Amino acid sequence: MKIFDRYVLGQFLPALGFALLSFVTLFLALEFIDKLSRFLDHGASAWTLFRYFAYRAPYVLVMMLPIAVLLATFLTLGQMARFRELVAIATAGESLARVALPVLFVAALCSFGSFALGELVVPRANAERDRILEQEIDKVPPPPKDERTDVTVRGQNGYVYVVRLYFVPDRRMHDISIYRYESGRLTRRIDARLGEWDGGAWVLKQGFDRTFDADSLERARPFDRLRFASLEGPEDFGSPPDDPDELGYFDLRRYLVRAAARGMEVGPFKTKLHVKLAFPLVNLIVAVIGCALAMELRTPTPALSFGLSVSIAFAYFGVLRFFQILGEGAILPPWLAGWAPTLLFGSWAAYLFYRLQRR
């Protein structure tokens, strides 16, 4: 590591830490003000609020990290430009692109860190944050762990299960209706008062098994006991369904595979899957943009640096949301909608870095 590498890092890392702390604090403060009446109405304690915002912080950190990286890049290289340090380094025979390498290295680490946080920390933190908000602040009683009510499961091969009451430890259903659809048409319906898992299938008791032909002619057969072989077992009924919006990349990918096998509509979530993979790269992209613009402006002031950082960040998030809507509406393929903002801003960054190398 050269001396000016250590010097650039010595300027950049404190600026990055300060910018990140400032943006995260500002975001949390605005959320606190927005929810203040809710906190006061329910008498939330200081310890509860501290834990709520502590679990809120990882998500905010991931979202604010690109803006902090961009602002720190402008501040670091802008200060070096104002004091003619970049000119001195260039006079010594080093290219301006080489000066930016320490910043880009840290930005690449931020991209990996952002993905790791989004995969390992954010989903669990968001779940605990929601639990604190609902159960400890709003005083909503938690659902019982040993039973679930009004359970609906969309199974494979066109089956849909509606269970009025399910006892998790006993693996026992009460008031069950099982529907089977083929090409959008109801072909079979089973209603039973009781269902128990025998280790390989559901044993249904006291009900009717109805079938419907192409002319909707119904044939009903009563039964006292019916062994129903199902691809859906107790684990599909005993745990609450996953919320795709709260899953990490790999968990969401597994969810989409299971949901597609059951015939569920997964198009909107495919776009989110690509966004989760593409979004962390923006930390490196905005660092390249910041390096090139800061060196071209030569003497950017802190106010100008802040304005450019916020403007570029808002432009990126606006483009991201625009393409995400197009992807979720099936106007664009999910992969294109998810990667388009990264490709657009990445192309701009590549062009700026190419110009920087030629200087």
Protein backbone atom coordinates (compact mmCIF):
# COMPACT_ATOMS: atom_id res chain seq x y z
CA MET A 1 0.00 0.00 0.00
CA LYS A 2 1.44 3.35 -1.05
CA ILE A 3 1.59 6.40 1.16
CA PHE A 4 -1.15 8.22 -0.72
CA ASP A 5 -3.36 5.09 -0.45
CA ARG A 6 -3.11 5.33 3.32
CA TYR A 7 -3.69 9.06 3.12
CA VAL A 8 -6.82 8.71 0.96
CA LEU A 9 -8.21 6.01 3.25
CA GLY A 10 -7.43 8.18 6.27
CA GLN A 11 -9.64 10.88 4.76
CA PHE A 12 -12.33 8.63 3.30
CA LEU A 13 -13.12 6.24 6.18
CA PRO A 14 -13.93 8.93 8.78
CA ALA A 15 -16.04 10.76 6.20
CA LEU A 16 -17.89 7.54 5.39
CA GLY A 17 -18.53 6.80 9.06
CA PHE A 18 -19.77 10.33 9.73
CA ALA A 19 -22.03 10.38 6.63
CA LEU A 20 -23.50 6.96 7.40
CA LEU A 21 -24.15 7.84 11.05
CA SER A 22 -25.75 11.13 10.03
CA PHE A 23 -28.07 9.64 7.42
CA VAL A 24 -29.14 6.72 9.61
CA THR A 25 -29.75 9.02 12.58
CA LEU A 26 -31.74 11.44 10.45
CA PHE A 27 -33.88 8.64 9.00
CA LEU A 28 -34.60 7.14 12.43
CA ALA A 29 -35.36 10.58 13.87
CA LEU A 30 -37.91 11.24 11.13
CA GLU A 31 -39.53 7.88 11.75
CA PHE A 32 -39.63 8.60 15.49
CA ILE A 33 -41.43 11.89 14.83
CA ASP A 34 -43.82 10.17 12.41
CA LYS A 35 -44.76 7.49 14.98
CA LEU A 36 -44.52 9.67 18.10
CA SER A 37 -48.28 9.94 18.63
CA ARG A 38 -48.58 6.17 18.28
CA PHE A 39 -45.86 5.63 20.88
CA LEU A 40 -47.46 8.07 23.30
CA ASP A 41 -50.98 6.67 22.87
CA HIS A 42 -49.80 3.19 23.82
CA GLY A 43 -47.41 4.28 26.56
CA ALA A 44 -44.31 2.67 25.05
CA SER A 45 -41.33 2.61 27.41
CA ALA A 46 -37.93 4.04 26.55
CA TRP A 47 -36.39 0.55 26.56
CA THR A 48 -39.03 -0.71 24.13
CA LEU A 49 -38.41 2.23 21.79
CA PHE A 50 -34.65 1.70 21.98
CA ARG A 51 -35.05 -1.95 20.96
CA TYR A 52 -37.50 -1.06 18.20
CA PHE A 53 -35.10 1.40 16.58
CA ALA A 54 -32.12 -0.88 17.17
CA TYR A 55 -33.83 -3.56 15.08
CA ARG A 56 -34.91 -0.94 12.56
CA ALA A 57 -31.32 0.28 12.08
CA PRO A 58 -29.94 -2.61 9.91
CA TYR A 59 -32.50 -2.01 7.15
CA VAL A 60 -31.92 1.74 7.26
CA LEU A 61 -28.15 1.21 7.17
CA VAL A 62 -28.41 -0.90 3.99
CA MET A 63 -30.60 1.72 2.31
CA MET A 64 -28.47 4.72 3.36
CA LEU A 65 -25.08 3.14 2.66
CA PRO A 66 -24.94 4.12 -1.05
CA ILE A 67 -25.72 7.77 -0.23
CA ALA A 68 -23.06 7.77 2.50
CA VAL A 69 -20.47 6.24 0.16
CA LEU A 70 -21.23 8.85 -2.49
CA LEU A 71 -21.08 11.78 -0.08
CA ALA A 72 -17.84 10.52 1.52
CA THR A 73 -16.30 10.18 -1.95
CA PHE A 74 -17.22 13.76 -2.86
CA LEU A 75 -15.94 15.13 0.45
CA THR A 76 -12.64 13.24 0.35
CA LEU A 77 -11.64 13.89 -3.25
CA GLY A 78 -13.19 17.35 -3.23
CA GLN A 79 -10.98 18.38 -0.34
CA MET A 80 -7.93 16.94 -2.08
CA ALA A 81 -8.84 18.88 -5.21
CA ARG A 82 -9.27 22.17 -3.32
CA PHE A 83 -5.82 21.88 -1.76
CA ARG A 84 -4.21 20.86 -5.09
CA GLU A 85 -3.24 17.46 -3.74
CA LEU A 86 -4.60 15.73 -6.82
CA VAL A 87 -2.42 17.93 -8.99
CA ALA A 88 0.62 17.03 -6.92
CA ILE A 89 -0.12 13.30 -7.20
CA ALA A 90 -0.66 13.57 -10.95
CA THR A 91 2.60 15.53 -11.29
CA ALA A 92 4.37 12.65 -9.52
CA GLY A 93 3.32 10.36 -12.37
CA GLU A 94 0.22 8.69 -10.92
CA SER A 95 -3.06 8.71 -12.83
CA LEU A 96 -6.16 10.11 -11.20
CA ALA A 97 -7.84 6.72 -11.65
CA ARG A 98 -5.11 5.18 -9.50
CA VAL A 99 -5.88 7.69 -6.75
CA ALA A 100 -9.47 6.48 -6.69
CA LEU A 101 -8.57 2.81 -6.13
CA PRO A 102 -8.60 2.93 -2.29
CA VAL A 103 -12.07 4.49 -2.37
CA LEU A 104 -13.30 1.91 -4.87
CA PHE A 105 -11.85 -0.93 -2.78
CA VAL A 106 -13.78 0.22 0.29
CA ALA A 107 -16.91 0.69 -1.85
CA ALA A 108 -16.59 -2.90 -3.10
CA LEU A 109 -16.37 -4.08 0.52
CA CYS A 110 -19.51 -2.04 1.23
CA SER A 111 -21.29 -3.87 -1.60
CA PHE A 112 -20.41 -7.26 -0.10
CA GLY A 113 -21.31 -6.03 3.37
CA SER A 114 -24.65 -4.67 2.15
CA PHE A 115 -25.58 -8.02 0.61
CA ALA A 116 -24.48 -9.91 3.73
CA LEU A 117 -26.55 -7.64 5.99
CA GLY A 118 -29.56 -7.95 3.72
CA GLU A 119 -29.25 -11.72 3.73
CA LEU A 120 -28.25 -12.54 7.32
CA VAL A 121 -29.37 -9.66 9.53
CA VAL A 122 -32.12 -7.54 7.98
CA PRO A 123 -34.86 -10.23 7.64
CA ARG A 124 -34.57 -11.31 11.28
CA ALA A 125 -34.24 -7.73 12.51
CA ASN A 126 -37.34 -6.68 10.58
CA ALA A 127 -39.31 -9.61 11.98
CA GLU A 128 -38.33 -8.69 15.54
CA ARG A 129 -39.07 -5.01 14.87
CA ASP A 130 -42.58 -5.90 13.67
CA ARG A 131 -43.11 -8.10 16.71
CA ILE A 132 -42.11 -5.29 19.08
CA LEU A 133 -44.37 -2.82 17.27
CA GLU A 134 -47.41 -5.10 17.28
CA GLN A 135 -47.09 -6.91 20.60
CA GLU A 136 -45.15 -4.60 22.92
CA ILE A 137 -46.21 -1.17 21.62
CA ASP A 138 -49.68 -1.75 20.13
CA LYS A 139 -50.39 -4.40 22.80
CA VAL A 140 -51.77 -6.90 20.26
CA PRO A 141 -51.68 -10.35 21.91
CA PRO A 142 -49.39 -12.83 20.13
CA PRO A 143 -51.05 -15.67 18.24
CA PRO A 144 -51.03 -18.99 20.11
CA LYS A 145 -48.11 -21.18 19.14
CA ASP A 146 -49.96 -24.47 19.52
CA GLU A 147 -52.91 -23.65 17.28
CA ARG A 148 -53.75 -21.76 14.11
CA THR A 149 -57.12 -20.56 12.92
CA ASP A 150 -58.47 -19.97 9.41
CA VAL A 151 -55.52 -21.57 7.65
CA THR A 152 -55.45 -21.49 3.86
CA VAL A 153 -52.75 -23.41 2.00
CA ARG A 154 -52.36 -23.53 -1.75
CA GLY A 155 -50.89 -26.96 -2.44
CA GLN A 156 -49.48 -28.72 -5.43
CA ASN A 157 -51.45 -30.34 -8.26
CA GLY A 158 -54.21 -27.74 -8.01
CA TYR A 159 -55.22 -28.41 -4.39
CA VAL A 160 -56.36 -25.67 -2.01
CA TYR A 161 -56.86 -26.40 1.69
CA VAL A 162 -59.06 -24.34 3.99
CA VAL A 163 -58.84 -25.34 7.66
CA ARG A 164 -60.92 -23.67 10.33
CA LEU A 165 -58.71 -24.79 13.24
CA TYR A 166 -55.34 -26.58 13.27
CA PHE A 167 -53.64 -27.93 16.43
CA VAL A 168 -49.90 -27.85 15.77
CA PRO A 169 -48.58 -30.33 18.40
CA ASP A 170 -51.31 -32.89 17.67
CA ARG A 171 -51.13 -32.40 13.88
CA ARG A 172 -54.93 -32.35 13.87
CA MET A 173 -57.36 -30.37 11.70
CA HIS A 174 -60.94 -29.35 12.43
CA ASP A 175 -63.55 -28.33 9.84
CA ILE A 176 -61.59 -28.96 6.65
CA SER A 177 -62.44 -28.17 3.05
CA ILE A 178 -60.15 -29.40 0.28
CA TYR A 179 -60.64 -28.14 -3.27
CA ARG A 180 -58.99 -29.33 -6.45
CA TYR A 181 -58.90 -27.20 -9.60
CA GLU A 182 -57.92 -28.31 -13.08
CA SER A 183 -57.54 -25.61 -15.74
CA GLY A 184 -59.43 -23.19 -13.49
CA ARG A 185 -62.38 -25.57 -13.04
CA LEU A 186 -63.38 -27.16 -9.73
CA THR A 187 -63.20 -30.94 -10.13
CA ARG A 188 -63.24 -32.18 -6.55
CA ARG A 189 -64.21 -31.02 -3.08
CA ILE A 190 -63.76 -32.83 0.21
CA ASP A 191 -65.36 -31.61 3.43
CA ALA A 192 -64.55 -33.25 6.76
CA ARG A 193 -65.03 -32.49 10.44
CA LEU A 194 -61.66 -33.89 11.49
CA GLY A 195 -58.30 -34.69 9.93
CA GLU A 196 -55.26 -36.35 11.54
CA TRP A 197 -51.78 -37.05 10.20
CA ASP A 198 -50.81 -40.72 10.40
CA GLY A 199 -47.22 -40.24 9.29
CA GLY A 200 -47.78 -40.53 5.56
CA ALA A 201 -51.21 -39.13 4.78
CA TRP A 202 -54.16 -37.23 6.24
CA VAL A 203 -56.91 -39.39 7.70
CA LEU A 204 -60.17 -37.50 7.23
CA LYS A 205 -63.25 -38.34 9.26
CA GLN A 206 -66.99 -37.69 8.96
CA GLY A 207 -67.41 -35.89 5.69
CA PHE A 208 -68.33 -35.88 2.02
CA ASP A 209 -66.19 -36.42 -1.08
CA ARG A 210 -67.68 -34.60 -4.06
CA THR A 211 -66.53 -34.76 -7.69
CA PHE A 212 -67.64 -32.53 -10.60
CA ASP A 213 -67.52 -33.51 -14.24
CA ALA A 214 -67.15 -31.20 -17.24
CA ASP A 215 -70.86 -30.36 -17.11
CA SER A 216 -70.60 -29.44 -13.40
CA LEU A 217 -72.64 -32.53 -12.52
CA GLU A 218 -71.98 -33.30 -8.86
CA ARG A 219 -71.45 -36.76 -7.38
CA ALA A 220 -71.28 -36.92 -3.58
CA ARG A 221 -70.05 -39.81 -1.46
CA PRO A 222 -70.25 -39.71 2.36
CA PHE A 223 -67.49 -41.27 4.41
CA ASP A 224 -66.64 -41.94 8.01
CA ARG A 225 -62.94 -42.37 7.31
CA LEU A 226 -60.93 -41.39 4.23
CA ARG A 227 -57.17 -41.67 3.86
CA PHE A 228 -56.08 -38.72 1.73
CA ALA A 229 -52.54 -38.93 0.35
CA SER A 230 -51.26 -35.36 0.18
CA LEU A 231 -48.00 -33.71 -0.82
CA GLU A 232 -48.71 -31.14 1.90
CA GLY A 233 -47.81 -32.31 5.39
CA PRO A 234 -48.04 -30.88 8.92
CA GLU A 235 -45.19 -28.44 8.30
CA ASP A 236 -47.30 -26.68 5.65
CA PHE A 237 -50.12 -26.05 8.12
CA GLY A 238 -48.25 -25.60 11.40
CA SER A 239 -46.16 -22.52 10.57
CA PRO A 240 -47.32 -19.12 9.35
CA PRO A 241 -46.72 -18.44 5.65
CA ASP A 242 -43.56 -16.65 4.63
CA ASP A 243 -43.80 -12.97 3.82
CA PRO A 244 -41.83 -12.62 0.55
CA ASP A 245 -41.16 -8.94 1.27
CA GLU A 246 -39.25 -9.86 4.45
CA LEU A 247 -37.06 -12.64 3.00
CA GLY A 248 -33.42 -12.50 1.99
CA TYR A 249 -32.26 -13.39 -1.51
CA PHE A 250 -31.71 -17.14 -1.01
CA ASP A 251 -34.84 -17.61 1.13
CA LEU A 252 -36.91 -15.72 -1.44
CA ARG A 253 -35.51 -17.86 -4.25
CA ARG A 254 -36.52 -21.04 -2.37
CA TYR A 255 -39.95 -19.53 -1.68
CA LEU A 256 -40.49 -18.82 -5.39
CA VAL A 257 -39.60 -22.41 -6.30
CA ARG A 258 -42.15 -23.76 -3.81
CA ALA A 259 -44.79 -21.21 -4.80
CA ALA A 260 -44.36 -21.89 -8.53
CA ALA A 261 -44.75 -25.64 -7.90
CA ARG A 262 -48.09 -24.89 -6.26
CA GLY A 263 -49.29 -22.77 -9.15
CA MET A 264 -49.12 -19.47 -7.28
CA GLU A 265 -48.52 -16.15 -9.04
CA VAL A 266 -44.86 -15.29 -8.44
CA GLY A 267 -44.19 -12.72 -11.18
CA PRO A 268 -44.00 -9.63 -8.93
CA PHE A 269 -41.62 -11.36 -6.52
CA LYS A 270 -39.25 -12.41 -9.31
CA THR A 271 -38.49 -8.73 -9.87
CA LYS A 272 -37.76 -8.27 -6.15
CA LEU A 273 -35.44 -11.28 -6.29
CA HIS A 274 -33.31 -9.61 -8.95
CA VAL A 275 -33.41 -6.27 -7.10
CA LYS A 276 -32.05 -7.93 -3.94
CA LEU A 277 -29.05 -9.19 -5.91
CA ALA A 278 -28.46 -6.04 -7.96
CA PHE A 279 -28.98 -3.35 -5.31
CA PRO A 280 -25.75 -3.89 -3.28
CA LEU A 281 -23.67 -3.19 -6.40
CA VAL A 282 -24.85 0.42 -6.36
CA ASN A 283 -22.32 1.13 -3.57
CA LEU A 284 -19.46 0.52 -5.98
CA ILE A 285 -21.20 2.24 -8.88
CA VAL A 286 -21.87 5.50 -7.02
CA ALA A 287 -18.28 5.49 -5.74
CA VAL A 288 -17.01 5.43 -9.33
CA ILE A 289 -19.43 8.22 -10.27
CA GLY A 290 -18.39 10.25 -7.23
CA CYS A 291 -14.68 9.85 -7.94
CA ALA A 292 -15.03 10.95 -11.55
CA LEU A 293 -17.29 13.92 -10.84
CA ALA A 294 -15.25 15.14 -7.85
CA MET A 295 -12.06 15.14 -9.94
CA GLU A 296 -13.75 16.87 -12.86
CA LEU A 297 -15.28 19.61 -10.70
CA ARG A 298 -11.85 20.22 -9.16
CA THR A 299 -13.14 22.42 -6.32
CA PRO A 300 -16.50 21.01 -5.13
CA THR A 301 -17.68 22.63 -1.90
CA PRO A 302 -19.25 20.56 0.92
CA ALA A 303 -22.65 22.03 0.08
CA LEU A 304 -22.27 21.10 -3.59
CA SER A 305 -21.05 17.63 -2.60
CA PHE A 306 -24.11 17.10 -0.41
CA GLY A 307 -26.46 18.35 -3.11
CA LEU A 308 -24.95 16.14 -5.80
CA SER A 309 -25.00 13.10 -3.50
CA VAL A 310 -28.66 13.51 -2.61
CA SER A 311 -29.63 14.28 -6.22
CA ILE A 312 -27.87 11.23 -7.65
CA ALA A 313 -29.28 9.04 -4.88
CA PHE A 314 -32.84 10.25 -5.47
CA ALA A 315 -32.38 9.72 -9.21
CA TYR A 316 -31.23 6.15 -8.63
CA PHE A 317 -34.05 5.27 -6.22
CA GLY A 318 -36.56 6.87 -8.58
CA VAL A 319 -35.31 4.83 -11.53
CA LEU A 320 -35.20 1.71 -9.34
CA ARG A 321 -38.83 2.15 -8.29
CA PHE A 322 -39.92 2.95 -11.86
CA PHE A 323 -38.46 -0.26 -13.28
CA GLN A 324 -39.66 -2.29 -10.30
CA ILE A 325 -43.23 -1.21 -11.04
CA LEU A 326 -42.78 -2.17 -14.70
CA GLY A 327 -41.47 -5.58 -13.66
CA GLU A 328 -44.21 -6.26 -11.12
CA GLY A 329 -46.79 -5.25 -13.72
CA ALA A 330 -45.34 -7.76 -16.22
CA ILE A 331 -44.53 -4.92 -18.64
CA LEU A 332 -40.84 -5.86 -18.55
CA PRO A 333 -39.19 -9.23 -17.85
CA PRO A 334 -38.29 -9.53 -14.13
CA TRP A 335 -34.54 -9.81 -14.78
CA LEU A 336 -34.53 -6.66 -16.93
CA ALA A 337 -36.64 -4.68 -14.46
CA GLY A 338 -34.41 -5.74 -11.57
CA TRP A 339 -31.09 -5.05 -13.27
CA ALA A 340 -31.96 -2.06 -15.47
CA PRO A 341 -31.10 0.65 -12.87
CA THR A 342 -27.78 -1.02 -12.13
CA LEU A 343 -27.00 -1.36 -15.83
CA LEU A 344 -27.91 2.27 -16.57
CA PHE A 345 -25.94 3.81 -13.72
CA GLY A 346 -23.17 1.24 -14.17
CA SER A 347 -22.79 2.28 -17.81
CA TRP A 348 -22.57 5.92 -16.75
CA ALA A 349 -19.97 5.01 -14.13
CA ALA A 350 -17.93 2.99 -16.65
CA TYR A 351 -17.93 5.91 -19.10
CA LEU A 352 -16.81 8.37 -16.41
CA PHE A 353 -14.06 6.01 -15.21
CA TYR A 354 -12.86 5.53 -18.79
CA ARG A 355 -12.54 9.30 -19.18
CA LEU A 356 -10.78 9.50 -15.84
CA GLN A 357 -8.18 6.94 -16.91
CA ARG A 358 -7.32 9.04 -19.96
CA ARG A 359 -6.47 12.08 -17.89
